Amino acid sequence: MVHVDYDASLADPGVHVKTTTMSHQQTTLIFSKQTRDRGRGVFARRPIPADTVIERVPVLVVPAAEMAASGLASYAFSWGRGTVALALGYGSLYNHSYTPNACYQDVGRCTKQFVAIRDIAAGEEITVNYNGEPENRSAVGFEVREP
């Protein structure tokens, strides 16, 4: 369990900072590396059985306009009214596929988890459908290159 806290002596006295306790554990199931033609991706370090939680990560919610200006928009998830979320851990590095082997789920106010939807072999790239639902074939705004 990770406890996020702060040193009150460093905070601006006019700013209230709330402490939060979140359960996020770094996983030994995956690693990231450069792919041949799809940028960076996430890969299985060892076999991952179906229904395994691959990773649970916190997200940073940011105004969409700020994310677009930062150049990080392609790493963000739609979140809500004028906001997007940047997933920490490897969360924003999973590549898209219309035949994914994993999916993502919102499991808390600012937490996503990635779950295997079928068995994944060691060394295999782990992909998700950016539309949120594994079977959703809607356009995603770029040319899709399947792994």
Protein backbone atom coordinates (compact mmCIF):
# COMPACT_ATOMS: atom_id res chain seq x y z
CA MET A 1 0.00 0.00 0.00
CA VAL A 2 1.27 3.46 -0.88
CA HIS A 3 0.44 6.34 1.43
CA VAL A 4 0.58 9.70 -0.30
CA ASP A 5 1.33 12.45 2.20
CA TYR A 6 2.98 15.83 2.28
CA ASP A 7 5.13 17.96 4.55
CA ALA A 8 2.72 20.59 5.89
CA SER A 9 5.63 22.96 6.51
CA LEU A 10 6.21 23.16 2.74
CA ALA A 11 2.60 23.88 1.80
CA ASP A 12 1.26 27.35 1.13
CA PRO A 13 -0.76 28.21 4.27
CA GLY A 14 -3.67 29.29 2.07
CA VAL A 15 -3.82 25.97 0.22
CA HIS A 16 -5.55 22.92 1.68
CA VAL A 17 -3.88 19.67 0.62
CA LYS A 18 -5.80 16.48 1.31
CA THR A 19 -3.87 13.30 2.00
CA THR A 20 -5.01 10.15 0.27
CA THR A 21 -4.36 6.48 0.76
CA MET A 22 -4.34 4.45 -2.47
CA SER A 23 -3.42 0.84 -3.07
CA HIS A 24 -1.08 0.63 -6.07
CA GLN A 25 1.67 -1.93 -6.32
CA GLN A 26 4.25 -1.99 -9.08
CA THR A 27 3.91 -5.23 -11.03
CA THR A 28 6.62 -7.64 -12.11
CA LEU A 29 4.43 -8.97 -14.93
CA ILE A 30 5.33 -6.40 -17.59
CA PHE A 31 8.01 -4.19 -19.10
CA SER A 32 8.08 -1.46 -21.72
CA LYS A 33 10.18 -1.33 -24.86
CA GLN A 34 10.22 0.23 -28.30
CA THR A 35 8.18 -1.61 -30.94
CA ARG A 36 9.18 -1.82 -34.60
CA ASP A 37 6.46 0.48 -35.91
CA ARG A 38 4.11 1.57 -33.11
CA GLY A 39 6.34 3.51 -30.72
CA ARG A 40 6.75 2.33 -27.17
CA GLY A 41 4.64 -0.60 -25.97
CA VAL A 42 3.99 -2.84 -22.97
CA PHE A 43 5.04 -6.50 -23.03
CA ALA A 44 4.53 -9.56 -20.85
CA ARG A 45 7.60 -10.52 -18.83
CA ARG A 46 6.13 -13.99 -18.22
CA PRO A 47 2.89 -15.81 -19.15
CA ILE A 48 -0.18 -13.96 -17.87
CA PRO A 49 -3.38 -16.00 -17.44
CA ALA A 50 -6.76 -14.59 -18.53
CA ASP A 51 -8.53 -12.46 -15.89
CA THR A 52 -5.24 -11.44 -14.22
CA VAL A 53 -4.98 -7.83 -13.10
CA ILE A 54 -1.84 -6.81 -14.96
CA GLU A 55 -1.46 -3.39 -13.42
CA ARG A 56 -3.43 -0.93 -11.26
CA VAL A 57 -2.34 2.68 -11.71
CA PRO A 58 -3.23 6.15 -10.47
CA VAL A 59 -4.20 8.75 -13.04
CA LEU A 60 -3.59 12.47 -13.13
CA VAL A 61 -6.67 14.38 -14.31
CA VAL A 62 -5.76 17.46 -16.35
CA PRO A 63 -7.74 20.01 -18.38
CA ALA A 64 -7.81 18.75 -21.98
CA ALA A 65 -6.50 22.07 -23.34
CA GLU A 66 -3.41 21.86 -21.12
CA MET A 67 -2.71 18.29 -22.21
CA ALA A 68 -3.06 19.22 -25.88
CA ALA A 69 -0.61 22.10 -25.42
CA SER A 70 1.89 19.80 -23.68
CA GLY A 71 2.17 17.39 -26.61
CA LEU A 72 1.08 14.47 -24.42
CA ALA A 73 -2.49 14.25 -25.72
CA SER A 74 -1.85 10.93 -27.50
CA TYR A 75 -1.02 9.36 -24.11
CA ALA A 76 -4.22 10.51 -22.38
CA PHE A 77 -7.59 8.90 -21.74
CA SER A 78 -10.87 10.82 -22.11
CA TRP A 79 -12.07 11.53 -18.60
CA GLY A 80 -15.00 13.91 -18.42
CA ARG A 81 -16.11 17.47 -19.06
CA GLY A 82 -13.08 19.10 -20.62
CA THR A 83 -10.59 16.81 -18.88
CA VAL A 84 -8.31 13.93 -19.75
CA ALA A 85 -6.33 11.53 -17.59
CA LEU A 86 -2.67 10.62 -17.86
CA ALA A 87 -2.22 7.11 -16.47
CA LEU A 88 0.95 6.58 -14.47
CA GLY A 89 2.92 3.33 -14.32
CA TYR A 90 2.79 1.83 -17.82
CA GLY A 91 -0.87 2.84 -18.14
CA SER A 92 -0.43 5.39 -20.91
CA LEU A 93 1.96 3.19 -22.94
CA TYR A 94 -0.36 0.31 -23.94
CA ASN A 95 -0.91 0.31 -27.70
CA HIS A 96 -4.31 0.03 -29.39
CA SER A 97 -5.66 -3.08 -31.10
CA TYR A 98 -9.08 -4.08 -32.41
CA THR A 99 -8.16 -7.59 -31.24
CA PRO A 100 -6.73 -6.75 -27.81
CA ASN A 101 -5.51 -9.22 -25.21
CA ALA A 102 -6.29 -6.87 -22.30
CA CYS A 103 -8.78 -4.19 -21.31
CA TYR A 104 -8.77 -1.24 -18.96
CA GLN A 105 -11.31 -0.40 -16.27
CA ASP A 106 -11.90 2.59 -14.03
CA VAL A 107 -11.79 1.19 -10.49
CA GLY A 108 -11.71 4.29 -8.35
CA ARG A 109 -11.97 8.03 -8.52
CA CYS A 110 -8.52 8.32 -10.08
CA THR A 111 -7.46 4.72 -10.70
CA LYS A 112 -7.40 2.47 -13.77
CA GLN A 113 -6.57 -1.19 -13.92
CA PHE A 114 -5.49 -3.28 -16.87
CA VAL A 115 -6.76 -6.88 -17.00
CA ALA A 116 -5.87 -9.79 -19.31
CA ILE A 117 -8.94 -10.85 -21.32
CA ARG A 118 -7.18 -13.96 -22.62
CA ASP A 119 -3.96 -15.80 -21.83
CA ILE A 120 -0.93 -13.71 -22.81
CA ALA A 121 2.39 -15.36 -23.70
CA ALA A 122 5.75 -14.23 -22.33
CA GLY A 123 7.21 -11.61 -24.68
CA GLU A 124 3.83 -10.82 -26.28
CA GLU A 125 2.80 -7.18 -26.59
CA ILE A 126 -0.15 -6.30 -24.37
CA THR A 127 -2.74 -4.22 -26.19
CA VAL A 128 -6.08 -2.63 -25.34
CA ASN A 129 -8.90 -1.22 -27.42
CA TYR A 130 -8.75 2.56 -26.97
CA ASN A 131 -12.54 2.71 -27.35
CA GLY A 132 -12.84 1.13 -23.90
CA GLU A 133 -14.68 -2.03 -24.90
CA PRO A 134 -12.58 -4.86 -26.41
CA GLU A 135 -15.07 -5.53 -29.24
CA ASN A 136 -15.74 -1.87 -30.17
CA ARG A 137 -14.60 -1.29 -33.78
CA SER A 138 -15.21 2.50 -33.84
CA ALA A 139 -12.53 4.64 -35.44
CA VAL A 140 -9.82 5.87 -33.07
CA GLY A 141 -8.50 8.84 -35.04
CA PHE A 142 -5.37 7.27 -36.55
CA GLU A 143 -4.36 4.44 -38.87
CA VAL A 144 -4.37 1.24 -36.81
CA ARG A 145 -1.37 -1.06 -37.18
CA GLU A 146 -2.04 -4.42 -35.57
CA PRO A 147 0.89 -6.06 -33.77
